[in-house]
Protein backbone atom coordinates (compact mmCIF):
# COMPACT_ATOMS: atom_id res chain seq x y z
CA UNK A 1 -0.94 15.57 33.15
CA UNK A 2 -3.13 13.34 31.02
CA UNK A 3 -5.88 12.79 33.58
CA UNK A 4 -5.40 9.00 33.58
CA UNK A 5 -4.61 7.24 36.81
CA UNK A 6 -2.39 4.21 37.14
CA UNK A 7 -5.53 2.13 37.62
CA UNK A 8 -6.99 3.35 34.30
CA UNK A 9 -3.73 2.47 32.57
CA UNK A 10 -3.69 -1.00 34.14
CA UNK A 11 -7.29 -1.66 33.05
CA UNK A 12 -6.58 -0.61 29.47
CA UNK A 13 -3.60 -2.99 29.32
CA UNK A 14 -5.75 -5.83 30.66
CA UNK A 15 -8.31 -5.40 27.89
CA UNK A 16 -5.81 -5.68 25.07
CA UNK A 17 -4.04 -9.05 25.56
CA UNK A 18 -6.91 -11.22 24.30
CA UNK A 19 -7.11 -9.23 21.07
CA UNK A 20 -3.34 -9.21 20.64
CA UNK A 21 -3.21 -12.94 21.35
CA UNK A 22 -5.87 -13.64 18.71
CA UNK A 23 -4.05 -11.52 16.12
CA UNK A 24 -0.70 -13.19 16.83
CA UNK A 25 -2.22 -16.67 16.77
CA UNK A 26 -3.92 -15.94 13.44
CA UNK A 27 -0.65 -14.59 12.07
CA UNK A 28 1.26 -17.72 13.03
CA UNK A 29 -1.40 -19.95 11.50
CA UNK A 30 -1.77 -17.96 8.29
CA UNK A 31 1.74 -16.73 7.55
CA UNK A 32 3.76 -19.95 7.02
CA UNK A 33 1.51 -21.25 4.22
CA UNK A 34 1.43 -17.78 2.66
CA UNK A 35 5.23 -17.50 2.77
CA UNK A 36 5.53 -20.87 1.08
CA UNK A 37 2.96 -20.12 -1.61
CA UNK A 38 3.52 -16.42 -2.36
CA UNK A 39 6.97 -15.58 -0.99
CA UNK A 40 7.98 -13.17 1.78
CA UNK A 41 7.72 -10.01 -0.35
CA UNK A 42 4.09 -10.73 -1.23
CA UNK A 43 3.20 -11.39 2.41
CA UNK A 44 4.99 -8.19 3.44
CA UNK A 45 2.93 -6.26 0.90
CA UNK A 46 -0.30 -7.81 2.22
CA UNK A 47 0.53 -6.73 5.77
CA UNK A 48 1.29 -3.25 4.44
CA UNK A 49 -2.08 -3.20 2.66
CA UNK A 50 -3.86 -4.23 5.84
CA UNK A 51 -2.12 -1.50 7.82
CA UNK A 52 -3.51 1.02 5.31
CA UNK A 53 -7.03 -0.41 5.37
CA UNK A 54 -6.72 -2.06 1.96
CA UNK A 55 -7.24 -5.73 1.12
CA UNK A 56 -6.73 -7.01 -2.38
CA UNK A 57 -6.85 -10.72 -1.59
CA UNK A 58 -4.20 -13.41 -1.98
CA UNK A 59 -4.64 -14.38 -5.59
CA UNK A 60 -7.96 -16.13 -5.11
CA UNK A 61 -9.64 -13.43 -7.14
CA UNK A 62 -8.55 -11.54 -10.21
CA UNK A 63 -8.94 -7.78 -9.92
CA UNK A 64 -9.46 -5.70 -13.03
CA UNK A 65 -6.08 -3.91 -12.85
CA UNK A 66 -2.83 -5.88 -12.86
CA UNK A 67 0.21 -3.84 -11.86
CA UNK A 68 3.62 -5.06 -13.04
CA UNK A 69 4.75 -4.43 -9.43
CA UNK A 70 2.95 -2.79 -6.54
CA UNK A 71 6.11 -2.49 -4.45
CA UNK A 72 9.45 -1.14 -5.63
CA UNK A 73 12.80 -0.93 -3.85
CA UNK A 74 14.65 2.00 -5.38
CA UNK A 75 17.95 2.47 -3.57
CA UNK A 76 19.18 6.09 -3.44
CA UNK A 77 16.64 8.80 -4.25
CA UNK A 78 17.59 12.05 -5.95
CA UNK A 79 15.97 15.32 -4.88
CA UNK A 80 13.31 14.85 -7.57
CA UNK A 81 12.37 11.31 -8.58
CA UNK A 82 9.65 9.78 -10.72
CA UNK A 83 8.56 6.26 -9.86
CA UNK A 84 6.47 4.48 -12.49
CA UNK A 85 3.94 1.75 -11.77
CA UNK A 86 2.80 0.31 -15.15
CA UNK A 87 -0.46 -1.64 -15.19
CA UNK A 88 -2.89 -3.40 -17.51
CA UNK A 89 -6.69 -3.32 -17.49
CA UNK A 90 -7.54 -7.04 -17.29
CA UNK A 91 -11.26 -6.42 -16.91
CA UNK A 92 -13.99 -6.36 -19.49
CA UNK A 93 -14.94 -2.69 -18.96
CA UNK A 94 -13.02 0.57 -19.32
CA UNK A 95 -11.65 1.85 -16.02
CA UNK A 96 -10.92 5.40 -14.92
CA UNK A 97 -8.51 6.15 -12.11
CA UNK A 98 -10.47 8.78 -10.21
CA UNK A 99 -8.38 9.94 -7.28
CA UNK A 100 -5.39 9.13 -5.14
CA UNK A 101 -4.03 9.48 -1.63
CA UNK A 102 -0.36 9.65 -0.71
CA UNK A 103 1.40 9.13 2.59
CA UNK A 104 3.52 12.26 2.34
CA UNK A 105 3.14 15.82 1.10
CA UNK A 106 6.35 15.32 -0.89
CA UNK A 107 4.54 12.89 -3.24
CA UNK A 108 2.44 14.00 -6.19
CA UNK A 109 0.54 11.12 -7.78
CA UNK A 110 0.17 11.31 -11.57
CA UNK A 111 -2.88 9.43 -12.83
CA UNK A 112 -3.84 8.80 -16.46
CA UNK A 113 -6.30 11.45 -17.57
CA UNK A 114 -8.51 9.19 -19.67
CA UNK A 115 -10.22 5.80 -19.25
CA UNK A 116 -8.13 2.71 -19.91
CA UNK A 117 -9.84 0.30 -22.31
CA UNK A 118 -9.99 -3.44 -21.62
CA UNK A 119 -6.59 -4.92 -22.45
CA UNK A 120 -5.04 -1.44 -22.45
CA UNK A 121 -1.90 -0.44 -20.59
CA UNK A 122 -1.03 2.74 -18.75
CA UNK A 123 0.94 3.82 -15.67
CA UNK A 124 0.68 5.67 -12.38
CA UNK A 125 3.66 7.91 -11.66
CA UNK A 126 4.73 9.00 -8.18
CA UNK A 127 6.61 12.29 -8.43
CA UNK A 128 8.72 12.54 -5.28
CA UNK A 129 10.43 15.73 -4.08
CA UNK A 130 12.81 14.80 -1.26
CA UNK A 131 14.17 18.33 -0.84
CA UNK A 132 12.78 18.81 2.70
CA UNK A 133 13.26 15.22 3.85
CA UNK A 134 15.92 14.15 6.31
CA UNK A 135 18.60 11.78 5.07
CA UNK A 136 17.77 8.13 5.64
CA UNK A 137 15.24 5.48 4.64
CA UNK A 138 11.90 6.61 3.21
CA UNK A 139 8.67 4.71 2.57
CA UNK A 140 6.17 6.08 0.08
CA UNK A 141 2.60 4.85 -0.17
CA UNK A 142 -0.20 5.75 -2.55
CA UNK A 143 -3.78 4.53 -2.70
CA UNK A 144 -5.39 4.61 -6.13
CA UNK A 145 -9.19 4.76 -6.37
CA UNK A 146 -11.10 3.75 -9.51
CA UNK A 147 -14.61 4.30 -10.81
CA UNK A 148 -15.34 0.54 -10.79
CA UNK A 149 -14.54 -0.04 -7.10
CA UNK A 150 -14.45 3.40 -5.47
CA UNK A 151 -14.19 2.03 -1.92
CA UNK A 152 -11.51 -0.57 -2.63
CA UNK A 153 -8.25 1.14 -3.61
CA UNK A 154 -5.08 -0.32 -5.02
CA UNK A 155 -2.01 0.23 -2.83
CA UNK A 156 1.34 1.17 -4.35
CA UNK A 157 4.51 1.27 -2.24
CA UNK A 158 8.07 2.33 -2.85
CA UNK A 159 11.06 2.55 -0.59
CA UNK A 160 14.41 4.21 -0.97
CA UNK A 161 17.12 6.16 0.81
CA UNK A 162 17.26 9.93 0.85
CA UNK A 163 20.85 11.16 0.53
């Protein structure tokens, strides 16, 4: 027994429709131009970022790290996989990748151990151990935090199928 009555449940439902309506209306107004300008994969990544509390903008601003790809579709995953996310420091200051967060205990995020100079390249590696995972589709997310913007992480995503 949860302690909620039917009346409490009904009231909670009544409070949500205006918020849901606003979100859906904004989505319908914003999404078509974004699909046309950036493509469906970019819009999908932006919604994924928002769901994780991350916002990197829609190209109106240039961030100091440019990843070759922030989302990768891998196909079949072996029991131990390494997924590389190469990037370039486009800023004018050295940047240090300080910490990371991953969506699953089966993911170990490998960060460069030294600062990346302006114009320098490096990579973030997701080491995935699917040994305890059930067969089927798998999404992997990692947030990467830097010393230049410690409260504004970069989001990396990969998807594949565990066999």
